[in-house]
Amino acid sequence: MTTAAQPTFEPGQVVRTRDLSRWSANAPRLAQRLVQEGRLVPVAHGLFAAPKRSRFGAVPPTDEALMRAFLDGTPYVFTGPERWNALGLGTTAVFAMPLVYNTKRSGTFDLGGRTFLLRRVAFPKAPSAEWFVVDLFENAAAAATSPEELAVRLAEAVAAGRFDTARLVAMAARYGSRRTQALVRDAVQRAAAVAP
């Protein structure tokens, strides 16, 4: 291989074996050689990361970089307790692995020493806080709360003006089950009844 054909990677970049085919007709062999040279680190079968160093040692690639490469650029969204707890509806759940909705794969996957739970679920292109509320209702059992308790807290939050009611109802209609839709409508009606 000539010097001009040497691949260069940004530290922390995650690539698939087939991404290396622009530098070599035998991408798996090139990947193996780059791993031996220390320029790439295997993350999963057919997935490699360019090492990123800090003064404390090697830094793993970001979850976003892993998902972007693993799902081959298809849409995805991180959800779960980290986003649900931030809504201020009283949940304090913790998951052992990130929950990722996508359009390609379902299952549990180990990537770069991290475990991800992937689900093929419908989600908006740019999720809003209202969508995460609906997602929380759909996953109330996993968040160790009941949908009825959430509805009471949601009514208080809507009355305080923390969520856009029209968007909340629209997200429930598009992404929620009938039970979630009914609970969200009930919470919005209760909030409207106590509004000044």
N, C-alpha and C. Protein backbone atom coordinates (compact mmCIF):
# COMPACT_ATOMS: atom_id res chain seq x y z
N MET A 1 0.85 -1.17 0.00
CA MET A 1 0.00 0.00 0.00
C MET A 1 0.89 1.23 0.00
N THR A 2 0.57 2.20 -0.80
CA THR A 2 1.37 3.41 -0.87
C THR A 2 1.06 4.32 0.30
N THR A 3 1.95 5.26 0.55
CA THR A 3 1.75 6.19 1.65
C THR A 3 0.49 7.03 1.43
N ALA A 4 0.21 7.40 0.19
CA ALA A 4 -0.95 8.22 -0.11
C ALA A 4 -2.26 7.49 0.20
N ALA A 5 -2.24 6.17 0.18
CA ALA A 5 -3.46 5.39 0.40
C ALA A 5 -3.68 5.04 1.86
N GLN A 6 -2.84 5.54 2.76
CA GLN A 6 -3.00 5.23 4.18
C GLN A 6 -4.26 5.90 4.72
N PRO A 7 -5.16 5.13 5.30
CA PRO A 7 -6.37 5.74 5.86
C PRO A 7 -6.05 6.55 7.11
N THR A 8 -6.76 7.64 7.27
CA THR A 8 -6.63 8.45 8.48
C THR A 8 -8.00 8.51 9.15
N PHE A 9 -8.00 8.49 10.47
CA PHE A 9 -9.24 8.48 11.23
C PHE A 9 -9.17 9.54 12.31
N GLU A 10 -10.32 10.12 12.61
CA GLU A 10 -10.43 11.03 13.75
C GLU A 10 -10.40 10.18 15.01
N PRO A 11 -9.73 10.63 16.07
CA PRO A 11 -9.76 9.86 17.32
C PRO A 11 -11.21 9.69 17.81
N GLY A 12 -11.57 8.46 18.14
CA GLY A 12 -12.93 8.17 18.59
C GLY A 12 -13.89 7.80 17.47
N GLN A 13 -13.45 7.93 16.23
CA GLN A 13 -14.30 7.59 15.08
C GLN A 13 -14.52 6.08 15.05
N VAL A 14 -15.74 5.67 14.71
CA VAL A 14 -16.07 4.26 14.61
C VAL A 14 -16.37 3.96 13.14
N VAL A 15 -15.75 2.89 12.62
CA VAL A 15 -15.92 2.53 11.21
C VAL A 15 -16.29 1.06 11.08
N ARG A 16 -16.96 0.75 9.99
CA ARG A 16 -17.29 -0.63 9.64
C ARG A 16 -16.19 -1.15 8.72
N THR A 17 -16.06 -2.46 8.64
CA THR A 17 -15.05 -3.05 7.76
C THR A 17 -15.24 -2.56 6.33
N ARG A 18 -16.48 -2.52 5.88
CA ARG A 18 -16.71 -2.12 4.49
C ARG A 18 -16.34 -0.67 4.22
N ASP A 19 -16.28 0.18 5.28
CA ASP A 19 -15.84 1.57 5.10
C ASP A 19 -14.38 1.64 4.65
N LEU A 20 -13.63 0.57 4.94
CA LEU A 20 -12.21 0.53 4.58
C LEU A 20 -11.99 0.13 3.12
N SER A 21 -13.05 -0.24 2.43
CA SER A 21 -12.90 -0.71 1.04
C SER A 21 -12.45 0.38 0.09
N ARG A 22 -12.54 1.64 0.47
CA ARG A 22 -12.05 2.70 -0.42
C ARG A 22 -10.53 2.77 -0.43
N TRP A 23 -9.87 2.14 0.56
CA TRP A 23 -8.41 2.13 0.61
C TRP A 23 -7.82 0.79 0.16
N SER A 24 -8.64 -0.25 0.11
CA SER A 24 -8.11 -1.56 -0.23
C SER A 24 -9.21 -2.44 -0.82
N ALA A 25 -8.82 -3.31 -1.73
CA ALA A 25 -9.77 -4.27 -2.29
C ALA A 25 -10.09 -5.36 -1.27
N ASN A 26 -9.21 -5.54 -0.27
CA ASN A 26 -9.41 -6.54 0.76
C ASN A 26 -9.55 -5.82 2.11
N ALA A 27 -10.76 -5.30 2.35
CA ALA A 27 -11.01 -4.51 3.56
C ALA A 27 -10.77 -5.28 4.86
N PRO A 28 -11.16 -6.56 4.97
CA PRO A 28 -10.89 -7.28 6.22
C PRO A 28 -9.40 -7.39 6.53
N ARG A 29 -8.60 -7.61 5.51
CA ARG A 29 -7.15 -7.70 5.73
C ARG A 29 -6.60 -6.33 6.17
N LEU A 30 -7.07 -5.26 5.55
CA LEU A 30 -6.63 -3.92 5.94
C LEU A 30 -7.03 -3.65 7.39
N ALA A 31 -8.24 -4.03 7.77
CA ALA A 31 -8.69 -3.84 9.15
C ALA A 31 -7.79 -4.59 10.12
N GLN A 32 -7.46 -5.83 9.77
CA GLN A 32 -6.59 -6.64 10.63
C GLN A 32 -5.21 -5.98 10.78
N ARG A 33 -4.68 -5.46 9.67
CA ARG A 33 -3.37 -4.81 9.72
C ARG A 33 -3.42 -3.53 10.57
N LEU A 34 -4.49 -2.74 10.43
CA LEU A 34 -4.62 -1.50 11.20
C LEU A 34 -4.78 -1.80 12.69
N VAL A 35 -5.43 -2.91 13.02
CA VAL A 35 -5.53 -3.33 14.43
C VAL A 35 -4.16 -3.70 14.95
N GLN A 36 -3.38 -4.46 14.17
CA GLN A 36 -2.03 -4.85 14.58
C GLN A 36 -1.13 -3.63 14.77
N GLU A 37 -1.32 -2.60 13.94
CA GLU A 37 -0.53 -1.38 14.05
C GLU A 37 -1.01 -0.49 15.19
N GLY A 38 -2.17 -0.80 15.78
CA GLY A 38 -2.70 0.01 16.87
C GLY A 38 -3.47 1.23 16.40
N ARG A 39 -3.77 1.31 15.11
CA ARG A 39 -4.50 2.45 14.58
C ARG A 39 -6.01 2.27 14.68
N LEU A 40 -6.45 1.03 14.88
CA LEU A 40 -7.86 0.72 15.11
C LEU A 40 -7.95 -0.28 16.25
N VAL A 41 -9.09 -0.25 16.93
CA VAL A 41 -9.37 -1.18 18.03
C VAL A 41 -10.68 -1.88 17.70
N PRO A 42 -10.72 -3.23 17.77
CA PRO A 42 -11.99 -3.91 17.49
C PRO A 42 -13.03 -3.58 18.57
N VAL A 43 -14.25 -3.28 18.11
CA VAL A 43 -15.34 -2.94 19.02
C VAL A 43 -16.37 -4.07 19.03
N ALA A 44 -16.67 -4.58 17.86
CA ALA A 44 -17.58 -5.71 17.67
C ALA A 44 -17.22 -6.32 16.33
N HIS A 45 -17.87 -7.42 15.99
CA HIS A 45 -17.57 -8.06 14.70
C HIS A 45 -17.84 -7.07 13.56
N GLY A 46 -16.78 -6.74 12.81
CA GLY A 46 -16.92 -5.83 11.68
C GLY A 46 -16.99 -4.37 12.04
N LEU A 47 -16.72 -4.03 13.30
CA LEU A 47 -16.81 -2.64 13.77
C LEU A 47 -15.52 -2.30 14.51
N PHE A 48 -14.93 -1.17 14.15
CA PHE A 48 -13.64 -0.77 14.73
C PHE A 48 -13.69 0.70 15.13
N ALA A 49 -12.88 1.05 16.15
CA ALA A 49 -12.80 2.44 16.60
C ALA A 49 -11.35 2.90 16.52
N ALA A 50 -11.18 4.15 16.12
CA ALA A 50 -9.86 4.77 16.14
C ALA A 50 -9.58 5.16 17.59
N PRO A 51 -8.46 4.73 18.16
CA PRO A 51 -8.20 5.01 19.58
C PRO A 51 -8.15 6.50 19.87
N LYS A 52 -8.72 6.86 20.99
CA LYS A 52 -8.68 8.23 21.47
C LYS A 52 -7.99 8.19 22.82
N ARG A 53 -7.03 9.02 23.03
CA ARG A 53 -6.25 8.99 24.27
C ARG A 53 -6.50 10.26 25.08
N SER A 54 -6.45 10.09 26.37
CA SER A 54 -6.47 11.22 27.29
C SER A 54 -5.28 11.04 28.22
N ARG A 55 -5.09 11.95 29.12
CA ARG A 55 -3.95 11.80 30.02
C ARG A 55 -4.15 10.65 31.00
N PHE A 56 -5.37 10.12 31.06
CA PHE A 56 -5.66 9.00 31.95
C PHE A 56 -5.67 7.66 31.21
N GLY A 57 -5.45 7.68 29.91
CA GLY A 57 -5.42 6.45 29.13
C GLY A 57 -6.40 6.49 27.97
N ALA A 58 -6.75 5.31 27.49
CA ALA A 58 -7.64 5.20 26.34
C ALA A 58 -9.06 5.62 26.71
N VAL A 59 -9.71 6.34 25.80
CA VAL A 59 -11.08 6.79 25.98
C VAL A 59 -11.96 6.02 24.99
N PRO A 60 -13.03 5.40 25.45
CA PRO A 60 -13.88 4.65 24.51
C PRO A 60 -14.64 5.61 23.59
N PRO A 61 -15.08 5.12 22.45
CA PRO A 61 -15.88 5.98 21.56
C PRO A 61 -17.21 6.32 22.22
N THR A 62 -17.82 7.41 21.79
CA THR A 62 -19.10 7.82 22.36
C THR A 62 -20.20 6.84 21.96
N ASP A 63 -21.25 6.81 22.75
CA ASP A 63 -22.40 5.96 22.43
C ASP A 63 -22.98 6.34 21.07
N GLU A 64 -23.02 7.64 20.79
CA GLU A 64 -23.57 8.11 19.52
C GLU A 64 -22.74 7.61 18.34
N ALA A 65 -21.40 7.67 18.47
CA ALA A 65 -20.53 7.19 17.39
C ALA A 65 -20.71 5.69 17.18
N LEU A 66 -20.84 4.94 18.27
CA LEU A 66 -21.06 3.49 18.17
C LEU A 66 -22.38 3.19 17.45
N MET A 67 -23.45 3.87 17.86
CA MET A 67 -24.75 3.62 17.25
C MET A 67 -24.78 4.04 15.79
N ARG A 68 -24.18 5.17 15.47
CA ARG A 68 -24.16 5.65 14.09
C ARG A 68 -23.51 4.61 13.16
N ALA A 69 -22.38 4.05 13.60
CA ALA A 69 -21.69 3.05 12.78
C ALA A 69 -22.42 1.70 12.82
N PHE A 70 -22.87 1.28 14.00
CA PHE A 70 -23.51 -0.02 14.13
C PHE A 70 -24.81 -0.09 13.34
N LEU A 71 -25.59 1.00 13.39
CA LEU A 71 -26.86 1.03 12.68
C LEU A 71 -26.71 1.56 11.25
N ASP A 72 -25.47 1.76 10.85
CA ASP A 72 -25.14 2.13 9.47
C ASP A 72 -25.85 3.40 9.02
N GLY A 73 -25.93 4.38 9.91
CA GLY A 73 -26.50 5.67 9.55
C GLY A 73 -28.01 5.75 9.56
N THR A 74 -28.71 4.66 9.90
CA THR A 74 -30.17 4.72 9.96
C THR A 74 -30.58 5.50 11.21
N PRO A 75 -31.80 6.05 11.24
CA PRO A 75 -32.23 6.86 12.39
C PRO A 75 -32.28 6.06 13.69
N TYR A 76 -31.97 6.74 14.78
CA TYR A 76 -32.06 6.14 16.11
C TYR A 76 -32.24 7.25 17.13
N VAL A 77 -32.70 6.88 18.31
CA VAL A 77 -32.82 7.85 19.40
C VAL A 77 -32.54 7.13 20.72
N PHE A 78 -31.74 7.77 21.57
CA PHE A 78 -31.50 7.25 22.91
C PHE A 78 -32.66 7.67 23.79
N THR A 79 -33.19 6.73 24.55
CA THR A 79 -34.27 7.02 25.47
C THR A 79 -33.99 6.25 26.75
N GLY A 80 -34.94 6.21 27.64
CA GLY A 80 -34.75 5.47 28.88
C GLY A 80 -34.71 6.38 30.10
N PRO A 81 -34.34 5.83 31.24
CA PRO A 81 -34.40 6.55 32.50
C PRO A 81 -33.70 7.90 32.51
N GLU A 82 -32.57 7.99 31.83
CA GLU A 82 -31.84 9.27 31.83
C GLU A 82 -32.72 10.40 31.29
N ARG A 83 -33.46 10.12 30.23
CA ARG A 83 -34.36 11.13 29.65
C ARG A 83 -35.66 11.23 30.44
N TRP A 84 -36.19 10.09 30.90
CA TRP A 84 -37.45 10.10 31.64
C TRP A 84 -37.32 10.83 32.97
N ASN A 85 -36.22 10.58 33.69
CA ASN A 85 -36.04 11.22 35.00
C ASN A 85 -35.92 12.73 34.86
N ALA A 86 -35.39 13.20 33.74
CA ALA A 86 -35.21 14.64 33.52
C ALA A 86 -36.53 15.36 33.27
N LEU A 87 -37.61 14.63 33.02
CA LEU A 87 -38.90 15.25 32.76
C LEU A 87 -39.53 15.86 34.01
N GLY A 88 -39.06 15.45 35.18
CA GLY A 88 -39.59 15.99 36.42
C GLY A 88 -40.95 15.42 36.79
N LEU A 89 -41.21 14.19 36.41
CA LEU A 89 -42.48 13.55 36.74
C LEU A 89 -42.34 12.54 37.87
N GLY A 90 -41.26 12.64 38.62
CA GLY A 90 -41.09 11.83 39.82
C GLY A 90 -40.43 10.48 39.64
N THR A 91 -39.96 10.15 38.45
CA THR A 91 -39.30 8.86 38.27
C THR A 91 -37.82 8.98 38.60
N THR A 92 -37.28 7.90 39.15
CA THR A 92 -35.85 7.86 39.49
C THR A 92 -35.25 6.53 39.08
N ALA A 93 -35.72 6.00 37.98
CA ALA A 93 -35.27 4.68 37.51
C ALA A 93 -33.83 4.75 37.01
N VAL A 94 -33.17 3.59 37.02
CA VAL A 94 -31.83 3.45 36.46
C VAL A 94 -31.79 2.13 35.70
N PHE A 95 -31.27 2.16 34.48
CA PHE A 95 -31.09 0.94 33.69
C PHE A 95 -29.61 0.59 33.67
N ALA A 96 -29.32 -0.68 33.53
CA ALA A 96 -27.93 -1.12 33.44
C ALA A 96 -27.36 -0.87 32.05
N MET A 97 -28.23 -0.64 31.07
CA MET A 97 -27.77 -0.43 29.69
C MET A 97 -28.63 0.63 29.02
N PRO A 98 -28.04 1.39 28.10
CA PRO A 98 -28.83 2.40 27.37
C PRO A 98 -29.90 1.74 26.50
N LEU A 99 -31.04 2.40 26.41
CA LEU A 99 -32.15 1.95 25.58
C LEU A 99 -32.14 2.80 24.30
N VAL A 100 -32.10 2.13 23.15
CA VAL A 100 -31.99 2.83 21.87
C VAL A 100 -33.11 2.35 20.95
N TYR A 101 -33.95 3.31 20.52
CA TYR A 101 -34.96 2.99 19.52
C TYR A 101 -34.35 3.24 18.15
N ASN A 102 -34.65 2.34 17.21
CA ASN A 102 -34.10 2.48 15.87
C ASN A 102 -35.04 1.82 14.87
N THR A 103 -34.65 1.86 13.61
CA THR A 103 -35.49 1.30 12.55
C THR A 103 -34.89 0.04 11.94
N LYS A 104 -33.82 -0.48 12.54
CA LYS A 104 -33.09 -1.58 11.91
C LYS A 104 -33.01 -2.87 12.74
N ARG A 105 -32.70 -2.77 14.03
CA ARG A 105 -32.40 -3.97 14.83
C ARG A 105 -33.11 -3.95 16.18
N SER A 106 -33.33 -5.16 16.71
CA SER A 106 -33.84 -5.33 18.07
C SER A 106 -32.97 -6.35 18.77
N GLY A 107 -32.80 -6.18 20.06
CA GLY A 107 -32.02 -7.13 20.84
C GLY A 107 -31.02 -6.44 21.73
N THR A 108 -30.20 -7.25 22.39
CA THR A 108 -29.15 -6.75 23.27
C THR A 108 -27.82 -6.96 22.57
N PHE A 109 -27.02 -5.90 22.49
CA PHE A 109 -25.76 -5.95 21.75
C PHE A 109 -24.63 -5.41 22.61
N ASP A 110 -23.48 -6.10 22.58
CA ASP A 110 -22.27 -5.64 23.26
C ASP A 110 -21.39 -4.95 22.23
N LEU A 111 -21.11 -3.68 22.46
CA LEU A 111 -20.28 -2.89 21.56
C LEU A 111 -19.24 -2.14 22.36
N GLY A 112 -18.00 -2.45 22.14
CA GLY A 112 -16.92 -1.73 22.80
C GLY A 112 -16.96 -1.81 24.32
N GLY A 113 -17.35 -2.95 24.84
CA GLY A 113 -17.40 -3.11 26.29
C GLY A 113 -18.67 -2.57 26.93
N ARG A 114 -19.60 -2.05 26.15
CA ARG A 114 -20.87 -1.54 26.66
C ARG A 114 -21.99 -2.40 26.10
N THR A 115 -23.05 -2.54 26.85
CA THR A 115 -24.21 -3.30 26.40
C THR A 115 -25.34 -2.32 26.10
N PHE A 116 -25.97 -2.49 24.95
CA PHE A 116 -27.06 -1.63 24.51
C PHE A 116 -28.30 -2.48 24.28
N LEU A 117 -29.46 -1.97 24.68
CA LEU A 117 -30.74 -2.61 24.40
C LEU A 117 -31.38 -1.85 23.25
N LEU A 118 -31.50 -2.51 22.10
CA LEU A 118 -32.06 -1.88 20.91
C LEU A 118 -33.46 -2.41 20.67
N ARG A 119 -34.36 -1.50 20.28
CA ARG A 119 -35.73 -1.88 19.95
C ARG A 119 -36.15 -1.18 18.67
N ARG A 120 -36.84 -1.92 17.83
CA ARG A 120 -37.41 -1.32 16.62
C ARG A 120 -38.78 -0.76 17.00
N VAL A 121 -38.83 0.54 17.19
CA VAL A 121 -40.03 1.23 17.64
C VAL A 121 -40.16 2.52 16.83
N ALA A 122 -41.39 2.94 16.56
CA ALA A 122 -41.61 4.21 15.86
C ALA A 122 -41.24 5.37 16.79
N PHE A 123 -40.58 6.38 16.22
CA PHE A 123 -40.20 7.57 16.99
C PHE A 123 -40.08 8.74 16.03
N PRO A 124 -40.24 9.96 16.54
CA PRO A 124 -40.13 11.13 15.66
C PRO A 124 -38.68 11.43 15.29
N LYS A 125 -38.52 12.17 14.21
CA LYS A 125 -37.18 12.52 13.73
C LYS A 125 -36.43 13.36 14.77
N ALA A 126 -37.13 14.31 15.37
CA ALA A 126 -36.54 15.16 16.42
C ALA A 126 -37.42 15.05 17.66
N PRO A 127 -37.14 14.08 18.55
CA PRO A 127 -38.01 13.87 19.72
C PRO A 127 -38.05 15.09 20.64
N SER A 128 -39.26 15.43 21.06
CA SER A 128 -39.46 16.54 21.99
C SER A 128 -39.68 15.97 23.39
N ALA A 129 -39.72 16.86 24.37
CA ALA A 129 -39.99 16.43 25.75
C ALA A 129 -41.34 15.73 25.83
N GLU A 130 -42.31 16.21 25.04
CA GLU A 130 -43.64 15.60 25.06
C GLU A 130 -43.60 14.16 24.55
N TRP A 131 -42.75 13.89 23.56
CA TRP A 131 -42.61 12.51 23.09
C TRP A 131 -42.01 11.63 24.19
N PHE A 132 -41.02 12.16 24.91
CA PHE A 132 -40.41 11.38 26.00
C PHE A 132 -41.44 11.11 27.11
N VAL A 133 -42.39 12.03 27.32
CA VAL A 133 -43.47 11.79 28.29
C VAL A 133 -44.29 10.58 27.84
N VAL A 134 -44.67 10.56 26.57
CA VAL A 134 -45.45 9.44 26.03
C VAL A 134 -44.64 8.15 26.14
N ASP A 135 -43.36 8.23 25.83
CA ASP A 135 -42.48 7.05 25.93
C ASP A 135 -42.42 6.56 27.37
N LEU A 136 -42.37 7.48 28.32
CA LEU A 136 -42.36 7.09 29.74
C LEU A 136 -43.66 6.37 30.10
N PHE A 137 -44.80 6.87 29.64
CA PHE A 137 -46.07 6.18 29.90
C PHE A 137 -46.04 4.77 29.32
N GLU A 138 -45.49 4.63 28.13
CA GLU A 138 -45.43 3.31 27.48
C GLU A 138 -44.51 2.35 28.23
N ASN A 139 -43.54 2.89 28.96
CA ASN A 139 -42.56 2.07 29.68
C ASN A 139 -42.64 2.28 31.19
N ALA A 140 -43.82 2.59 31.69
CA ALA A 140 -43.99 2.89 33.11
C ALA A 140 -43.51 1.75 34.00
N ALA A 141 -43.80 0.52 33.64
CA ALA A 141 -43.37 -0.62 34.46
C ALA A 141 -41.85 -0.68 34.56
N ALA A 142 -41.16 -0.43 33.45
CA ALA A 142 -39.70 -0.46 33.46
C ALA A 142 -39.13 0.69 34.28
N ALA A 143 -39.89 1.78 34.39
CA ALA A 143 -39.45 2.93 35.18
C ALA A 143 -39.91 2.82 36.63
N ALA A 144 -40.47 1.68 37.01
CA ALA A 144 -40.90 1.39 38.38
C ALA A 144 -41.92 2.40 38.88
N THR A 145 -42.91 2.71 38.06
CA THR A 145 -44.00 3.59 38.46
C THR A 145 -45.27 3.12 37.77
N SER A 146 -46.40 3.64 38.19
CA SER A 146 -47.66 3.25 37.54
C SER A 146 -48.11 4.39 36.62
N PRO A 147 -48.78 4.05 35.53
CA PRO A 147 -49.27 5.09 34.62
C PRO A 147 -50.23 6.06 35.31
N GLU A 148 -50.99 5.56 36.28
CA GLU A 148 -51.95 6.43 36.99
C GLU A 148 -51.20 7.49 37.81
N GLU A 149 -50.12 7.08 38.50
CA GLU A 149 -49.31 8.05 39.24
C GLU A 149 -48.70 9.07 38.29
N LEU A 150 -48.23 8.59 37.15
CA LEU A 150 -47.65 9.50 36.16
C LEU A 150 -48.69 10.50 35.67
N ALA A 151 -49.93 10.04 35.48
CA ALA A 151 -50.98 10.93 34.99
C ALA A 151 -51.24 12.06 35.98
N VAL A 152 -51.21 11.75 37.28
CA VAL A 152 -51.40 12.79 38.30
C VAL A 152 -50.26 13.80 38.24
N ARG A 153 -49.03 13.31 38.15
CA ARG A 153 -47.87 14.22 38.08
C ARG A 153 -47.86 15.01 36.77
N LEU A 154 -48.30 14.37 35.70
CA LEU A 154 -48.36 15.06 34.41
C LEU A 154 -49.38 16.19 34.45
N ALA A 155 -50.53 15.96 35.09
CA ALA A 155 -51.54 17.02 35.21
C ALA A 155 -50.96 18.22 35.94
N GLU A 156 -50.18 17.97 37.00
CA GLU A 156 -49.54 19.08 37.74
C GLU A 156 -48.53 19.81 36.85
N ALA A 157 -47.75 19.05 36.09
CA ALA A 157 -46.74 19.65 35.21
C ALA A 157 -47.38 20.46 34.09
N VAL A 158 -48.47 19.94 33.52
CA VAL A 158 -49.17 20.67 32.44
C VAL A 158 -49.80 21.93 33.01
N ALA A 159 -50.38 21.85 34.21
CA ALA A 159 -50.97 23.04 34.85
C ALA A 159 -49.91 24.10 35.12
N ALA A 160 -48.68 23.65 35.39
CA ALA A 160 -47.58 24.59 35.64
C ALA A 160 -46.98 25.12 34.34
N GLY A 161 -47.47 24.62 33.20
CA GLY A 161 -46.99 25.10 31.90
C GLY A 161 -45.67 24.51 31.44
N ARG A 162 -45.30 23.34 31.96
CA ARG A 162 -44.01 22.75 31.60
C ARG A 162 -44.04 21.99 30.28
N PHE A 163 -45.23 21.64 29.80
CA PHE A 163 -45.35 20.91 28.54
C PHE A 163 -46.38 21.58 27.64
N ASP A 164 -46.17 21.48 26.34
CA ASP A 164 -47.10 21.99 25.33
C ASP A 164 -48.24 20.98 25.21
N THR A 165 -49.45 21.37 25.62
CA THR A 165 -50.56 20.41 25.66
C THR A 165 -50.94 19.89 24.27
N ALA A 166 -50.94 20.77 23.27
CA ALA A 166 -51.30 20.32 21.92
C ALA A 166 -50.29 19.29 21.41
N ARG A 167 -49.02 19.55 21.62
CA ARG A 167 -47.98 18.61 21.16
C ARG A 167 -48.06 17.32 21.96
N LEU A 168 -48.35 17.42 23.26
CA LEU A 168 -48.46 16.25 24.12
C LEU A 168 -49.58 15.33 23.64
N VAL A 169 -50.74 15.90 23.35
CA VAL A 169 -51.87 15.11 22.86
C VAL A 169 -51.55 14.52 21.49
N ALA A 170 -50.90 15.30 20.63
CA ALA A 170 -50.53 14.80 19.29
C ALA A 170 -49.54 13.65 19.38
N MET A 171 -48.55 13.76 20.27
CA MET A 171 -47.56 12.69 20.43
C MET A 171 -48.22 11.43 20.99
N ALA A 172 -49.15 11.61 21.93
CA ALA A 172 -49.86 10.45 22.48
C ALA A 172 -50.69 9.77 21.40
N ALA A 173 -51.34 10.57 20.55
CA ALA A 173 -52.17 10.01 19.49
C ALA A 173 -51.33 9.24 18.47
N ARG A 174 -50.13 9.73 18.20
CA ARG A 174 -49.30 9.10 17.16
C ARG A 174 -48.47 7.94 17.70
N TYR A 175 -47.95 8.05 18.92
CA TYR A 175 -46.98 7.06 19.42
C TYR A 175 -47.45 6.28 20.64
N GLY A 176 -48.58 6.64 21.22
CA GLY A 176 -49.03 5.98 22.44
C GLY A 176 -50.10 4.94 22.20
N SER A 177 -50.21 4.03 23.17
CA SER A 177 -51.30 3.04 23.13
C SER A 177 -52.60 3.75 23.49
N ARG A 178 -53.71 3.06 23.36
CA ARG A 178 -55.00 3.68 23.71
C ARG A 178 -55.03 4.06 25.18
N ARG A 179 -54.44 3.23 26.01
CA ARG A 179 -54.41 3.54 27.44
C ARG A 179 -53.60 4.81 27.69
N THR A 180 -52.46 4.92 27.05
CA THR A 180 -51.63 6.12 27.21
C THR A 180 -52.37 7.34 26.70
N GLN A 181 -53.04 7.21 25.56
CA GLN A 181 -53.80 8.34 25.01
C GLN A 181 -54.87 8.81 25.99
N ALA A 182 -55.58 7.85 26.59
CA ALA A 182 -56.63 8.20 27.54
C ALA A 182 -56.05 8.87 28.78
N LEU A 183 -54.94 8.35 29.30
CA LEU A 183 -54.32 8.94 30.49
C LEU A 183 -53.79 10.34 30.21
N VAL A 184 -53.20 10.55 29.05
CA VAL A 184 -52.68 11.88 28.70
C VAL A 184 -53.84 12.86 28.54
N ARG A 185 -54.91 12.45 27.84
CA ARG A 185 -56.08 13.33 27.68
C ARG A 185 -56.67 13.69 29.03
N ASP A 186 -56.77 12.69 29.92
CA ASP A 186 -57.31 12.92 31.26
C ASP A 186 -56.43 13.91 32.03
N ALA A 187 -55.12 13.75 31.94
CA ALA A 187 -54.20 14.66 32.64
C ALA A 187 -54.32 16.08 32.11
N VAL A 188 -54.45 16.22 30.80
CA VAL A 188 -54.60 17.56 30.19
C VAL A 188 -55.92 18.19 30.63
N GLN A 189 -57.00 17.40 30.68
CA GLN A 189 -58.30 17.92 31.11
C GLN A 189 -58.26 18.33 32.58
N ARG A 190 -57.61 17.52 33.43
CA ARG A 190 -57.49 17.89 34.85
C ARG A 190 -56.68 19.17 35.02
N ALA A 191 -55.63 19.30 34.21
CA ALA A 191 -54.79 20.51 34.28
C ALA A 191 -55.59 21.73 33.85
N ALA A 192 -56.43 21.58 32.81
CA ALA A 192 -57.25 22.70 32.34
C ALA A 192 -58.29 23.08 33.38
N ALA A 193 -58.78 22.11 34.15
CA ALA A 193 -59.80 22.38 35.16
C ALA A 193 -59.24 23.19 36.33
N VAL A 194 -57.96 23.00 36.65
CA VAL A 194 -57.38 23.73 37.79
C VAL A 194 -56.66 25.00 37.36
N ALA A 195 -56.54 25.22 36.03
CA ALA A 195 -55.85 26.42 35.54
C ALA A 195 -56.67 27.65 35.89
N PRO A 196 -55.99 28.77 36.23
CA PRO A 196 -56.72 29.99 36.62
C PRO A 196 -57.46 30.63 35.47
